[in-house]
Amino acid sequence: MKEPIQNITLSIPKPVLRKVKILAVERQTSVSALLTGLLEEIVEREDAYAAARERALVRLTRPVNLGTRGRVTWTRESLHER
């Protein structure tokens, strides 16, 4: 099933629109398809960032097991011995 399409109106400076039309022709597509593709990329990047951020925040709530069972088994001096 195809997703519903929503038409919108954009205000684009004429010099920019002229260049966008040329890009669309060079890529054998329409201005609408070109802009839709770019907007989809932005949305996908934002969604991926939000998912990665959520995963990172979840990991922060679970401490990493360093094998020390919460005990410090060294001293500052032993760490700085040469």
PDB file of N, CA and C in Angstrom:
ATOM      1  N   MET A   1       0.846  -1.184   0.000  1.00  0.00           N
ATOM      2  CA  MET A   1       0.000   0.000   0.000  1.00  0.00           C
ATOM      3  C   MET A   1       0.890   1.245   0.000  1.00  0.00           C
ATOM      4  N   LYS A   2       0.607   2.142  -0.887  1.00  0.00           N
ATOM      5  CA  LYS A   2       1.377   3.376  -0.977  1.00  0.00           C
ATOM      6  C   LYS A   2       1.018   4.322   0.158  1.00  0.00           C
ATOM      7  N   GLU A   3       2.032   5.054   0.594  1.00  0.00           N
ATOM      8  CA  GLU A   3       1.779   6.060   1.629  1.00  0.00           C
ATOM      9  C   GLU A   3       1.048   7.237   1.008  1.00  0.00           C
ATOM     10  N   PRO A   4       0.188   7.885   1.785  1.00  0.00           N
ATOM     11  CA  PRO A   4      -0.521   9.055   1.243  1.00  0.00           C
ATOM     12  C   PRO A   4       0.462  10.193   0.964  1.00  0.00           C
ATOM     13  N   ILE A   5       0.166  10.949  -0.043  1.00  0.00           N
ATOM     14  CA  ILE A   5       1.005  12.078  -0.456  1.00  0.00           C
ATOM     15  C   ILE A   5       0.347  13.371   0.006  1.00  0.00           C
ATOM     16  N   GLN A   6       1.176  14.289   0.505  1.00  0.00           N
ATOM     17  CA  GLN A   6       0.688  15.600   0.920  1.00  0.00           C
ATOM     18  C   GLN A   6       1.429  16.649   0.104  1.00  0.00           C
ATOM     19  N   ASN A   7       0.706  17.451  -0.631  1.00  0.00           N
ATOM     20  CA  ASN A   7       1.311  18.547  -1.372  1.00  0.00           C
ATOM     21  C   ASN A   7       1.583  19.702  -0.430  1.00  0.00           C
ATOM     22  N   ILE A   8       2.724  20.377  -0.660  1.00  0.00           N
ATOM     23  CA  ILE A   8       3.057  21.566   0.130  1.00  0.00           C
ATOM     24  C   ILE A   8       3.522  22.657  -0.824  1.00  0.00           C
ATOM     25  N   THR A   9       3.556  23.872  -0.341  1.00  0.00           N
ATOM     26  CA  THR A   9       4.050  24.994  -1.119  1.00  0.00           C
ATOM     27  C   THR A   9       5.346  25.464  -0.493  1.00  0.00           C
ATOM     28  N   LEU A  10       6.371  25.630  -1.303  1.00  0.00           N
ATOM     29  CA  LEU A  10       7.667  26.106  -0.831  1.00  0.00           C
ATOM     30  C   LEU A  10       7.982  27.450  -1.449  1.00  0.00           C
ATOM     31  N   SER A  11       8.640  28.278  -0.693  1.00  0.00           N
ATOM     32  CA  SER A  11       9.153  29.537  -1.226  1.00  0.00           C
ATOM     33  C   SER A  11      10.661  29.388  -1.349  1.00  0.00           C
ATOM     34  N   ILE A  12      11.132  29.348  -2.577  1.00  0.00           N
ATOM     35  CA  ILE A  12      12.551  29.133  -2.843  1.00  0.00           C
ATOM     36  C   ILE A  12      13.046  30.286  -3.706  1.00  0.00           C
ATOM     37  N   PRO A  13      14.169  30.868  -3.343  1.00  0.00           N
ATOM     38  CA  PRO A  13      14.713  31.946  -4.179  1.00  0.00           C
ATOM     39  C   PRO A  13      14.930  31.454  -5.616  1.00  0.00           C
ATOM     40  N   LYS A  14      14.615  32.302  -6.575  1.00  0.00           N
ATOM     41  CA  LYS A  14      14.686  31.915  -7.990  1.00  0.00           C
ATOM     42  C   LYS A  14      16.043  31.350  -8.403  1.00  0.00           C
ATOM     43  N   PRO A  15      17.156  31.972  -7.989  1.00  0.00           N
ATOM     44  CA  PRO A  15      18.453  31.402  -8.400  1.00  0.00           C
ATOM     45  C   PRO A  15      18.659  29.967  -7.863  1.00  0.00           C
ATOM     46  N   VAL A  16      18.195  29.728  -6.671  1.00  0.00           N
ATOM     47  CA  VAL A  16      18.317  28.392  -6.084  1.00  0.00           C
ATOM     48  C   VAL A  16      17.423  27.417  -6.848  1.00  0.00           C
ATOM     49  N   LEU A  17      16.198  27.814  -7.110  1.00  0.00           N
ATOM     50  CA  LEU A  17      15.264  26.955  -7.843  1.00  0.00           C
ATOM     51  C   LEU A  17      15.809  26.615  -9.227  1.00  0.00           C
ATOM     52  N   ARG A  18      16.408  27.591  -9.880  1.00  0.00           N
ATOM     53  CA  ARG A  18      16.979  27.354 -11.203  1.00  0.00           C
ATOM     54  C   ARG A  18      18.046  26.256 -11.121  1.00  0.00           C
ATOM     55  N   LYS A  19      18.913  26.336 -10.129  1.00  0.00           N
ATOM     56  CA  LYS A  19      19.968  25.336  -9.974  1.00  0.00           C
ATOM     57  C   LYS A  19      19.395  23.971  -9.583  1.00  0.00           C
ATOM     58  N   VAL A  20      18.368  23.971  -8.746  1.00  0.00           N
ATOM     59  CA  VAL A  20      17.725  22.715  -8.347  1.00  0.00           C
ATOM     60  C   VAL A  20      17.097  22.034  -9.563  1.00  0.00           C
ATOM     61  N   LYS A  21      16.476  22.817 -10.432  1.00  0.00           N
ATOM     62  CA  LYS A  21      15.884  22.247 -11.646  1.00  0.00           C
ATOM     63  C   LYS A  21      16.956  21.607 -12.521  1.00  0.00           C
ATOM     64  N   ILE A  22      18.103  22.272 -12.632  1.00  0.00           N
ATOM     65  CA  ILE A  22      19.208  21.720 -13.423  1.00  0.00           C
ATOM     66  C   ILE A  22      19.698  20.411 -12.799  1.00  0.00           C
ATOM     67  N   LEU A  23      19.849  20.404 -11.470  1.00  0.00           N
ATOM     68  CA  LEU A  23      20.254  19.171 -10.783  1.00  0.00           C
ATOM     69  C   LEU A  23      19.267  18.039 -11.039  1.00  0.00           C
ATOM     70  N   ALA A  24      18.004  18.357 -10.963  1.00  0.00           N
ATOM     71  CA  ALA A  24      16.970  17.335 -11.175  1.00  0.00           C
ATOM     72  C   ALA A  24      17.068  16.764 -12.591  1.00  0.00           C
ATOM     73  N   VAL A  25      17.254  17.621 -13.565  1.00  0.00           N
ATOM     74  CA  VAL A  25      17.377  17.157 -14.954  1.00  0.00           C
ATOM     75  C   VAL A  25      18.623  16.277 -15.093  1.00  0.00           C
ATOM     76  N   GLU A  26      19.740  16.715 -14.509  1.00  0.00           N
ATOM     77  CA  GLU A  26      20.982  15.943 -14.594  1.00  0.00           C
ATOM     78  C   GLU A  26      20.829  14.565 -13.953  1.00  0.00           C
ATOM     79  N   ARG A  27      20.014  14.483 -12.918  1.00  0.00           N
ATOM     80  CA  ARG A  27      19.804  13.202 -12.220  1.00  0.00           C
ATOM     81  C   ARG A  27      18.595  12.445 -12.764  1.00  0.00           C
ATOM     82  N   GLN A  28      18.029  12.979 -13.830  1.00  0.00           N
ATOM     83  CA  GLN A  28      16.868  12.368 -14.488  1.00  0.00           C
ATOM     84  C   GLN A  28      15.727  12.110 -13.504  1.00  0.00           C
ATOM     85  N   THR A  29      15.397  13.134 -12.756  1.00  0.00           N
ATOM     86  CA  THR A  29      14.302  13.051 -11.798  1.00  0.00           C
ATOM     87  C   THR A  29      13.578  14.390 -11.773  1.00  0.00           C
ATOM     88  N   SER A  30      12.601  14.508 -10.926  1.00  0.00           N
ATOM     89  CA  SER A  30      11.865  15.775 -10.789  1.00  0.00           C
ATOM     90  C   SER A  30      12.375  16.531  -9.568  1.00  0.00           C
ATOM     91  N   VAL A  31      12.053  17.812  -9.524  1.00  0.00           N
ATOM     92  CA  VAL A  31      12.399  18.618  -8.355  1.00  0.00           C
ATOM     93  C   VAL A  31      11.719  18.020  -7.122  1.00  0.00           C
ATOM     94  N   SER A  32      10.479  17.609  -7.274  1.00  0.00           N
ATOM     95  CA  SER A  32       9.737  17.022  -6.164  1.00  0.00           C
ATOM     96  C   SER A  32      10.430  15.753  -5.651  1.00  0.00           C
ATOM     97  N   ALA A  33      10.833  14.879  -6.555  1.00  0.00           N
ATOM     98  CA  ALA A  33      11.499  13.639  -6.152  1.00  0.00           C
ATOM     99  C   ALA A  33      12.863  13.923  -5.525  1.00  0.00           C
ATOM    100  N   LEU A  34      13.568  14.904  -6.065  1.00  0.00           N
ATOM    101  CA  LEU A  34      14.870  15.284  -5.523  1.00  0.00           C
ATOM    102  C   LEU A  34      14.725  15.787  -4.083  1.00  0.00           C
ATOM    103  N   LEU A  35      13.782  16.702  -3.877  1.00  0.00           N
ATOM    104  CA  LEU A  35      13.567  17.248  -2.533  1.00  0.00           C
ATOM    105  C   LEU A  35      13.036  16.183  -1.576  1.00  0.00           C
ATOM    106  N   THR A  36      12.155  15.332  -2.055  1.00  0.00           N
ATOM    107  CA  THR A  36      11.628  14.257  -1.211  1.00  0.00           C
ATOM    108  C   THR A  36      12.755  13.349  -0.747  1.00  0.00           C
ATOM    109  N   GLY A  37      13.660  12.998  -1.665  1.00  0.00           N
ATOM    110  CA  GLY A  37      14.797  12.152  -1.304  1.00  0.00           C
ATOM    111  C   GLY A  37      15.677  12.799  -0.251  1.00  0.00           C
ATOM    112  N   LEU A  38      15.960  14.080  -0.410  1.00  0.00           N
ATOM    113  CA  LEU A  38      16.793  14.793   0.559  1.00  0.00           C
ATOM    114  C   LEU A  38      16.104  14.879   1.920  1.00  0.00           C
ATOM    115  N   LEU A  39      14.823  15.155   1.918  1.00  0.00           N
ATOM    116  CA  LEU A  39      14.090  15.233   3.186  1.00  0.00           C
ATOM    117  C   LEU A  39      14.030  13.868   3.874  1.00  0.00           C
ATOM    118  N   GLU A  40      13.861  12.796   3.079  1.00  0.00           N
ATOM    119  CA  GLU A  40      13.859  11.446   3.656  1.00  0.00           C
ATOM    120  C   GLU A  40      15.207  11.130   4.301  1.00  0.00           C
ATOM    121  N   GLU A  41      16.309  11.541   3.655  1.00  0.00           N
ATOM    122  CA  GLU A  41      17.642  11.324   4.224  1.00  0.00           C
ATOM    123  C   GLU A  41      17.784  12.038   5.563  1.00  0.00           C
ATOM    124  N   ILE A  42      17.300  13.270   5.639  1.00  0.00           N
ATOM    125  CA  ILE A  42      17.381  14.035   6.887  1.00  0.00           C
ATOM    126  C   ILE A  42      16.599  13.331   7.988  1.00  0.00           C
ATOM    127  N   VAL A  43      15.387  12.899   7.671  1.00  0.00           N
ATOM    128  CA  VAL A  43      14.546  12.219   8.661  1.00  0.00           C
ATOM    129  C   VAL A  43      15.201  10.913   9.111  1.00  0.00           C
ATOM    130  N   GLU A  44      15.767  10.138   8.177  1.00  0.00           N
ATOM    131  CA  GLU A  44      16.430   8.882   8.530  1.00  0.00           C
ATOM    132  C   GLU A  44      17.620   9.128   9.445  1.00  0.00           C
ATOM    133  N   ARG A  45      18.418  10.168   9.149  1.00  0.00           N
ATOM    134  CA  ARG A  45      19.572  10.502  10.000  1.00  0.00           C
ATOM    135  C   ARG A  45      19.120  10.878  11.399  1.00  0.00           C
ATOM    136  N   GLU A  46      18.073  11.700  11.484  1.00  0.00           N
ATOM    137  CA  GLU A  46      17.563  12.117  12.795  1.00  0.00           C
ATOM    138  C   GLU A  46      17.025  10.922  13.573  1.00  0.00           C
ATOM    139  N   ASP A  47      16.304  10.026  12.890  1.00  0.00           N
ATOM    140  CA  ASP A  47      15.776   8.828  13.554  1.00  0.00           C
ATOM    141  C   ASP A  47      16.920   7.942  14.048  1.00  0.00           C
ATOM    142  N   ALA A  48      17.959   7.769  13.224  1.00  0.00           N
ATOM    143  CA  ALA A  48      19.107   6.946  13.616  1.00  0.00           C
ATOM    144  C   ALA A  48      19.822   7.573  14.804  1.00  0.00           C
ATOM    145  N   TYR A  49      19.968   8.900  14.808  1.00  0.00           N
ATOM    146  CA  TYR A  49      20.610   9.580  15.925  1.00  0.00           C
ATOM    147  C   TYR A  49      19.795   9.387  17.205  1.00  0.00           C
ATOM    148  N   ALA A  50      18.486   9.555  17.115  1.00  0.00           N
ATOM    149  CA  ALA A  50      17.630   9.405  18.294  1.00  0.00           C
ATOM    150  C   ALA A  50      17.710   7.977  18.839  1.00  0.00           C
ATOM    151  N   ALA A  51      17.737   6.979  17.956  1.00  0.00           N
ATOM    152  CA  ALA A  51      17.834   5.584  18.398  1.00  0.00           C
ATOM    153  C   ALA A  51      19.185   5.326  19.056  1.00  0.00           C
ATOM    154  N   ALA A  52      20.270   5.842  18.468  1.00  0.00           N
ATOM    155  CA  ALA A  52      21.607   5.663  19.045  1.00  0.00           C
ATOM    156  C   ALA A  52      21.706   6.358  20.395  1.00  0.00           C
ATOM    157  N   ARG A  53      21.125   7.535  20.505  1.00  0.00           N
ATOM    158  CA  ARG A  53      21.138   8.269  21.776  1.00  0.00           C
ATOM    159  C   ARG A  53      20.392   7.481  22.840  1.00  0.00           C
ATOM    160  N   GLU A  54      19.255   6.929  22.484  1.00  0.00           N
ATOM    161  CA  GLU A  54      18.464   6.145  23.436  1.00  0.00           C
ATOM    162  C   GLU A  54      19.237   4.913  23.895  1.00  0.00           C
ATOM    163  N   ARG A  55      19.903   4.224  22.956  1.00  0.00           N
ATOM    164  CA  ARG A  55      20.717   3.053  23.324  1.00  0.00           C
ATOM    165  C   ARG A  55      21.835   3.452  24.277  1.00  0.00           C
ATOM    166  N   ALA A  56      22.483   4.577  24.000  1.00  0.00           N
ATOM    167  CA  ALA A  56      23.574   5.044  24.858  1.00  0.00           C
ATOM    168  C   ALA A  56      23.066   5.384  26.253  1.00  0.00           C
ATOM    169  N   LEU A  57      21.918   6.032  26.336  1.00  0.00           N
ATOM    170  CA  LEU A  57      21.363   6.384  27.646  1.00  0.00           C
ATOM    171  C   LEU A  57      20.987   5.132  28.439  1.00  0.00           C
ATOM    172  N   VAL A  58      20.470   4.116  27.760  1.00  0.00           N
ATOM    173  CA  VAL A  58      20.138   2.860  28.442  1.00  0.00           C
ATOM    174  C   VAL A  58      21.410   2.215  28.977  1.00  0.00           C
ATOM    175  N   ARG A  59      22.481   2.222  28.170  1.00  0.00           N
ATOM    176  CA  ARG A  59      23.751   1.636  28.620  1.00  0.00           C
ATOM    177  C   ARG A  59      24.293   2.351  29.844  1.00  0.00           C
ATOM    178  N   LEU A  60      24.066   3.655  29.939  1.00  0.00           N
ATOM    179  CA  LEU A  60      24.548   4.409  31.101  1.00  0.00           C
ATOM    180  C   LEU A  60      23.859   3.974  32.391  1.00  0.00           C
ATOM    181  N   THR A  61      22.672   3.418  32.291  1.00  0.00           N
ATOM    182  CA  THR A  61      21.956   2.994  33.500  1.00  0.00           C
ATOM    183  C   THR A  61      22.432   1.627  33.984  1.00  0.00           C
ATOM    184  N   ARG A  62      23.204   0.910  33.159  1.00  0.00           N
ATOM    185  CA  ARG A  62      23.738  -0.401  33.534  1.00  0.00           C
ATOM    186  C   ARG A  62      25.248  -0.294  33.684  1.00  0.00           C
ATOM    187  N   PRO A  63      25.766  -0.387  34.915  1.00  0.00           N
ATOM    188  CA  PRO A  63      27.213  -0.247  35.086  1.00  0.00           C
ATOM    189  C   PRO A  63      27.969  -1.381  34.392  1.00  0.00           C
ATOM    190  N   VAL A  64      29.141  -1.061  33.901  1.00  0.00           N
ATOM    191  CA  VAL A  64      29.989  -2.041  33.234  1.00  0.00           C
ATOM    192  C   VAL A  64      30.720  -2.848  34.296  1.00  0.00           C
ATOM    193  N   ASN A  65      30.754  -4.165  34.142  1.00  0.00           N
ATOM    194  CA  ASN A  65      31.455  -5.033  35.079  1.00  0.00           C
ATOM    195  C   ASN A  65      32.947  -4.982  34.772  1.00  0.00           C
ATOM    196  N   LEU A  66      33.712  -4.398  35.678  1.00  0.00           N
ATOM    197  CA  LEU A  66      35.160  -4.301  35.510  1.00  0.00           C
ATOM    198  C   LEU A  66      35.884  -5.433  36.225  1.00  0.00           C
ATOM    199  N   GLY A  67      35.131  -6.344  36.826  1.00  0.00           N
ATOM    200  CA  GLY A  67      35.730  -7.478  37.512  1.00  0.00           C
ATOM    201  C   GLY A  67      36.254  -7.162  38.898  1.00  0.00           C
ATOM    202  N   THR A  68      35.926  -6.009  39.434  1.00  0.00           N
ATOM    203  CA  THR A  68      36.434  -5.617  40.756  1.00  0.00           C
ATOM    204  C   THR A  68      35.410  -5.842  41.858  1.00  0.00           C
ATOM    205  N   ARG A  69      34.202  -6.209  41.487  1.00  0.00           N
ATOM    206  CA  ARG A  69      33.087  -6.377  42.424  1.00  0.00           C
ATOM    207  C   ARG A  69      32.896  -5.125  43.305  1.00  0.00           C
ATOM    208  N   GLY A  70      33.203  -3.969  42.723  1.00  0.00           N
ATOM    209  CA  GLY A  70      32.988  -2.708  43.412  1.00  0.00           C
ATOM    210  C   GLY A  70      34.094  -2.316  44.379  1.00  0.00           C
ATOM    211  N   ARG A  71      35.156  -3.127  44.456  1.00  0.00           N
ATOM    212  CA  ARG A  71      36.254  -2.813  45.374  1.00  0.00           C
ATOM    213  C   ARG A  71      37.405  -2.180  44.603  1.00  0.00           C
ATOM    214  N   VAL A  72      38.054  -1.226  45.247  1.00  0.00           N
ATOM    215  CA  VAL A  72      39.262  -0.631  44.694  1.00  0.00           C
ATOM    216  C   VAL A  72      40.431  -1.459  45.220  1.00  0.00           C
ATOM    217  N   THR A  73      41.167  -2.072  44.301  1.00  0.00           N
ATOM    218  CA  THR A  73      42.246  -2.973  44.714  1.00  0.00           C
ATOM    219  C   THR A  73      43.623  -2.378  44.449  1.00  0.00           C
ATOM    220  N   TRP A  74      43.676  -1.084  44.236  1.00  0.00           N
ATOM    221  CA  TRP A  74      44.952  -0.425  43.990  1.00  0.00           C
ATOM    222  C   TRP A  74      45.000   0.875  44.758  1.00  0.00           C
ATOM    223  N   THR A  75      46.193   1.407  44.851  1.00  0.00           N
ATOM    224  CA  THR A  75      46.355   2.708  45.507  1.00  0.00           C
ATOM    225  C   THR A  75      46.860   3.694  44.464  1.00  0.00           C
ATOM    226  N   ARG A  76      46.733   4.940  44.781  1.00  0.00           N
ATOM    227  CA  ARG A  76      47.227   5.976  43.873  1.00  0.00           C
ATOM    228  C   ARG A  76      48.719   5.800  43.650  1.00  0.00           C
ATOM    229  N   GLU A  77      49.433   5.490  44.711  1.00  0.00           N
ATOM    230  CA  GLU A  77      50.883   5.327  44.622  1.00  0.00           C
ATOM    231  C   GLU A  77      51.258   4.154  43.707  1.00  0.00           C
ATOM    232  N   SER A  78      50.526   3.044  43.825  1.00  0.00           N
ATOM    233  CA  SER A  78      50.862   1.878  42.991  1.00  0.00           C
ATOM    234  C   SER A  78      50.583   2.160  41.509  1.00  0.00           C
ATOM    235  N   LEU A  79      49.616   2.991  41.242  1.00  0.00           N
ATOM    236  CA  LEU A  79      49.321   3.326  39.851  1.00  0.00           C
ATOM    237  C   LEU A  79      50.405   4.218  39.256  1.00  0.00           C
ATOM    238  N   HIS A  80      51.093   5.008  40.099  1.00  0.00           N
ATOM    239  CA  HIS A  80      52.086   5.958  39.618  1.00  0.00           C
ATOM    240  C   HIS A  80      53.511   5.482  39.814  1.00  0.00           C
ATOM    241  N   GLU A  81      53.701   4.201  40.203  1.00  0.00           N
ATOM    242  CA  GLU A  81      55.051   3.670  40.355  1.00  0.00           C
ATOM    243  C   GLU A  81      55.729   3.584  39.001  1.00  0.00           C
ATOM    244  N   ARG A  82      57.023   3.783  39.013  1.00  0.00           N
ATOM    245  CA  ARG A  82      57.769   3.683  37.753  1.00  0.00           C
ATOM    246  C   ARG A  82      58.712   2.549  37.778  1.00  0.00           C
TER     247      ARG A  82
END
